[in-house]
Structures are given as C-alpha cells and as structure tokens.
Amino acid sequence: MAWAGIFLGVIAGLFAAVYGYAAFGLPVWLCLLMYPAAGTAVTLAATALLAWRSFPPGSAGGAGVCQREAAAA
C-alpha cells in the first residue's frame, strides 16, 4: 500500500510542479515548494484509501475489523 501511495505521490507532485510552471507561469521557487506539498497530500490520501479498502465491510457498512485481528480472536 505504501509503495503505491509513494509512487502516485511522486507522479502527482511532479505533474503539479511542471503544470504549474508551464500552464500558469508560477515562479520556479513556488513550483519547488509545490512538488513536496502535492506529493505528500496524494501519498497520504492514496495510502489511507488503500488501507481502508483492505478491511472487510462491517455490519454498519464501510471498514470493519482487520483480517489479522479477526483471525487472532
């Protein structure tokens, strides 16, 4: 999960920095700051989404109990 999130974060950060410079004419220093900000946001969102999807659905809908915790009980 983390590797997928990191990969998506790197791609999104690079795209945001290049697109901001090319399409909007942002200064280079702002694009260099935008790269880690966008990358971190996408990495955390992708990792959280993939972690949430790894849980089986519970009785109330949404994420339930972790499979490892259910197997140990």
N, C-alpha and C. Protein backbone atom coordinates (compact mmCIF):
# COMPACT_ATOMS: atom_id res chain seq x y z
N MET A 1 0.83 -1.20 0.00
CA MET A 1 0.00 0.00 0.00
C MET A 1 0.87 1.26 0.00
N ALA A 2 1.89 1.24 0.83
CA ALA A 2 2.73 2.43 0.93
C ALA A 2 3.48 2.69 -0.36
N TRP A 3 3.95 1.62 -1.02
CA TRP A 3 4.68 1.82 -2.27
C TRP A 3 3.78 2.43 -3.34
N ALA A 4 2.55 1.98 -3.41
CA ALA A 4 1.61 2.55 -4.39
C ALA A 4 1.36 4.02 -4.08
N GLY A 5 1.19 4.34 -2.81
CA GLY A 5 0.97 5.73 -2.41
C GLY A 5 2.16 6.61 -2.72
N ILE A 6 3.35 6.11 -2.46
CA ILE A 6 4.57 6.89 -2.73
C ILE A 6 4.72 7.12 -4.23
N PHE A 7 4.49 6.08 -5.02
CA PHE A 7 4.60 6.20 -6.47
C PHE A 7 3.59 7.22 -7.00
N LEU A 8 2.35 7.14 -6.56
CA LEU A 8 1.33 8.10 -7.00
C LEU A 8 1.67 9.51 -6.53
N GLY A 9 2.22 9.64 -5.34
CA GLY A 9 2.61 10.95 -4.82
C GLY A 9 3.72 11.59 -5.62
N VAL A 10 4.70 10.79 -6.02
CA VAL A 10 5.80 11.32 -6.83
C VAL A 10 5.27 11.79 -8.19
N ILE A 11 4.43 10.99 -8.81
CA ILE A 11 3.88 11.36 -10.12
C ILE A 11 3.02 12.62 -9.99
N ALA A 12 2.16 12.67 -8.97
CA ALA A 12 1.28 13.84 -8.80
C ALA A 12 2.07 15.10 -8.47
N GLY A 13 3.09 14.98 -7.62
CA GLY A 13 3.91 16.14 -7.28
C GLY A 13 4.67 16.67 -8.48
N LEU A 14 5.23 15.76 -9.28
CA LEU A 14 5.94 16.18 -10.48
C LEU A 14 4.99 16.84 -11.47
N PHE A 15 3.82 16.24 -11.66
CA PHE A 15 2.84 16.81 -12.58
C PHE A 15 2.39 18.19 -12.11
N ALA A 16 2.13 18.33 -10.82
CA ALA A 16 1.68 19.63 -10.29
C ALA A 16 2.75 20.70 -10.47
N ALA A 17 4.00 20.35 -10.23
CA ALA A 17 5.08 21.33 -10.36
C ALA A 17 5.29 21.74 -11.82
N VAL A 18 5.32 20.77 -12.70
CA VAL A 18 5.54 21.09 -14.13
C VAL A 18 4.34 21.83 -14.71
N TYR A 19 3.14 21.38 -14.37
CA TYR A 19 1.93 22.02 -14.88
C TYR A 19 1.79 23.45 -14.34
N GLY A 20 2.12 23.65 -13.08
CA GLY A 20 2.07 24.98 -12.51
C GLY A 20 3.03 25.94 -13.17
N TYR A 21 4.21 25.43 -13.51
CA TYR A 21 5.21 26.28 -14.18
C TYR A 21 4.83 26.55 -15.63
N ALA A 22 4.41 25.50 -16.34
CA ALA A 22 4.15 25.63 -17.77
C ALA A 22 2.82 26.32 -18.07
N ALA A 23 1.77 25.95 -17.36
CA ALA A 23 0.44 26.46 -17.70
C ALA A 23 0.12 27.79 -17.01
N PHE A 24 0.57 27.93 -15.78
CA PHE A 24 0.20 29.12 -15.01
C PHE A 24 1.34 30.12 -14.84
N GLY A 25 2.53 29.75 -15.28
CA GLY A 25 3.67 30.65 -15.18
C GLY A 25 4.10 30.95 -13.75
N LEU A 26 3.93 29.97 -12.86
CA LEU A 26 4.34 30.17 -11.48
C LEU A 26 5.86 30.25 -11.40
N PRO A 27 6.38 30.97 -10.42
CA PRO A 27 7.83 31.03 -10.27
C PRO A 27 8.41 29.66 -9.90
N VAL A 28 9.67 29.47 -10.24
CA VAL A 28 10.32 28.18 -10.01
C VAL A 28 10.34 27.85 -8.52
N TRP A 29 10.57 28.83 -7.65
CA TRP A 29 10.63 28.56 -6.22
C TRP A 29 9.29 28.05 -5.70
N LEU A 30 8.19 28.55 -6.26
CA LEU A 30 6.87 28.09 -5.84
C LEU A 30 6.61 26.67 -6.34
N CYS A 31 7.06 26.38 -7.53
CA CYS A 31 6.90 25.02 -8.06
C CYS A 31 7.72 24.02 -7.26
N LEU A 32 8.91 24.45 -6.81
CA LEU A 32 9.73 23.57 -5.98
C LEU A 32 9.09 23.32 -4.61
N LEU A 33 8.34 24.29 -4.11
CA LEU A 33 7.61 24.08 -2.86
C LEU A 33 6.33 23.27 -3.08
N MET A 34 5.75 23.41 -4.25
CA MET A 34 4.50 22.72 -4.54
C MET A 34 4.72 21.22 -4.75
N TYR A 35 5.90 20.83 -5.25
CA TYR A 35 6.19 19.42 -5.51
C TYR A 35 6.04 18.56 -4.25
N PRO A 36 6.71 18.87 -3.13
CA PRO A 36 6.52 18.01 -1.96
C PRO A 36 5.15 18.16 -1.32
N ALA A 37 4.54 19.32 -1.43
CA ALA A 37 3.21 19.51 -0.82
C ALA A 37 2.17 18.65 -1.53
N ALA A 38 2.15 18.72 -2.85
CA ALA A 38 1.19 17.92 -3.61
C ALA A 38 1.51 16.44 -3.49
N GLY A 39 2.78 16.11 -3.53
CA GLY A 39 3.18 14.71 -3.40
C GLY A 39 2.80 14.11 -2.07
N THR A 40 3.00 14.86 -1.00
CA THR A 40 2.64 14.37 0.33
C THR A 40 1.14 14.19 0.48
N ALA A 41 0.37 15.14 -0.02
CA ALA A 41 -1.09 15.03 0.08
C ALA A 41 -1.61 13.82 -0.67
N VAL A 42 -1.12 13.59 -1.87
CA VAL A 42 -1.57 12.43 -2.66
C VAL A 42 -1.08 11.14 -2.03
N THR A 43 0.14 11.11 -1.52
CA THR A 43 0.67 9.91 -0.88
C THR A 43 -0.17 9.52 0.33
N LEU A 44 -0.49 10.48 1.18
CA LEU A 44 -1.30 10.18 2.37
C LEU A 44 -2.71 9.75 1.99
N ALA A 45 -3.30 10.42 1.00
CA ALA A 45 -4.65 10.06 0.59
C ALA A 45 -4.69 8.67 -0.03
N ALA A 46 -3.74 8.35 -0.89
CA ALA A 46 -3.73 7.03 -1.54
C ALA A 46 -3.47 5.93 -0.53
N THR A 47 -2.54 6.15 0.39
CA THR A 47 -2.25 5.14 1.40
C THR A 47 -3.44 4.92 2.32
N ALA A 48 -4.10 6.00 2.72
CA ALA A 48 -5.29 5.86 3.58
C ALA A 48 -6.42 5.15 2.85
N LEU A 49 -6.63 5.48 1.59
CA LEU A 49 -7.68 4.83 0.82
C LEU A 49 -7.40 3.33 0.65
N LEU A 50 -6.16 2.99 0.33
CA LEU A 50 -5.82 1.58 0.16
C LEU A 50 -5.89 0.82 1.49
N ALA A 51 -5.52 1.46 2.59
CA ALA A 51 -5.64 0.81 3.90
C ALA A 51 -7.10 0.60 4.26
N TRP A 52 -7.95 1.58 3.97
CA TRP A 52 -9.37 1.46 4.27
C TRP A 52 -10.00 0.35 3.44
N ARG A 53 -9.57 0.22 2.18
CA ARG A 53 -10.13 -0.82 1.31
C ARG A 53 -9.68 -2.21 1.72
N SER A 54 -8.60 -2.34 2.48
CA SER A 54 -8.11 -3.67 2.86
C SER A 54 -8.93 -4.29 3.98
N PHE A 55 -9.76 -3.48 4.66
CA PHE A 55 -10.61 -4.02 5.70
C PHE A 55 -11.89 -4.58 5.08
N PRO A 56 -12.38 -5.73 5.57
CA PRO A 56 -13.65 -6.24 5.05
C PRO A 56 -14.80 -5.36 5.53
N PRO A 57 -15.91 -5.31 4.79
CA PRO A 57 -17.02 -4.46 5.22
C PRO A 57 -17.61 -4.95 6.54
N GLY A 58 -17.96 -4.01 7.41
CA GLY A 58 -18.56 -4.36 8.69
C GLY A 58 -20.07 -4.33 8.60
N SER A 59 -20.72 -4.59 9.73
CA SER A 59 -22.18 -4.63 9.74
C SER A 59 -22.78 -3.25 9.53
N ALA A 60 -22.05 -2.19 9.89
CA ALA A 60 -22.55 -0.84 9.73
C ALA A 60 -22.16 -0.25 8.38
N GLY A 61 -21.54 -1.05 7.53
CA GLY A 61 -21.06 -0.54 6.25
C GLY A 61 -19.71 0.12 6.43
N GLY A 62 -18.94 0.21 5.37
CA GLY A 62 -17.61 0.80 5.48
C GLY A 62 -16.60 -0.21 5.99
N ALA A 63 -15.54 0.28 6.56
CA ALA A 63 -14.46 -0.60 7.01
C ALA A 63 -14.84 -1.31 8.29
N GLY A 64 -14.52 -2.58 8.34
CA GLY A 64 -14.80 -3.38 9.52
C GLY A 64 -13.53 -3.66 10.30
N VAL A 65 -13.38 -4.88 10.74
CA VAL A 65 -12.22 -5.26 11.54
C VAL A 65 -11.12 -5.78 10.63
N CYS A 66 -9.90 -5.56 11.02
CA CYS A 66 -8.76 -6.03 10.26
C CYS A 66 -8.78 -7.57 10.21
N GLN A 67 -8.42 -8.16 9.10
CA GLN A 67 -8.44 -9.61 8.96
C GLN A 67 -7.49 -10.28 9.94
N ARG A 68 -6.35 -9.66 10.22
CA ARG A 68 -5.42 -10.25 11.18
C ARG A 68 -6.01 -10.26 12.58
N GLU A 69 -6.73 -9.19 12.94
CA GLU A 69 -7.34 -9.15 14.26
C GLU A 69 -8.48 -10.16 14.36
N ALA A 70 -9.23 -10.34 13.28
CA ALA A 70 -10.32 -11.30 13.31
C ALA A 70 -9.78 -12.73 13.39
N ALA A 71 -8.66 -13.00 12.73
CA ALA A 71 -8.07 -14.34 12.77
C ALA A 71 -7.49 -14.64 14.14
N ALA A 72 -6.99 -13.62 14.83
CA ALA A 72 -6.39 -13.83 16.15
C ALA A 72 -7.46 -14.03 17.22
N ALA A 73 -8.66 -13.53 17.00
CA ALA A 73 -9.72 -13.63 18.01
C ALA A 73 -10.38 -14.96 18.06
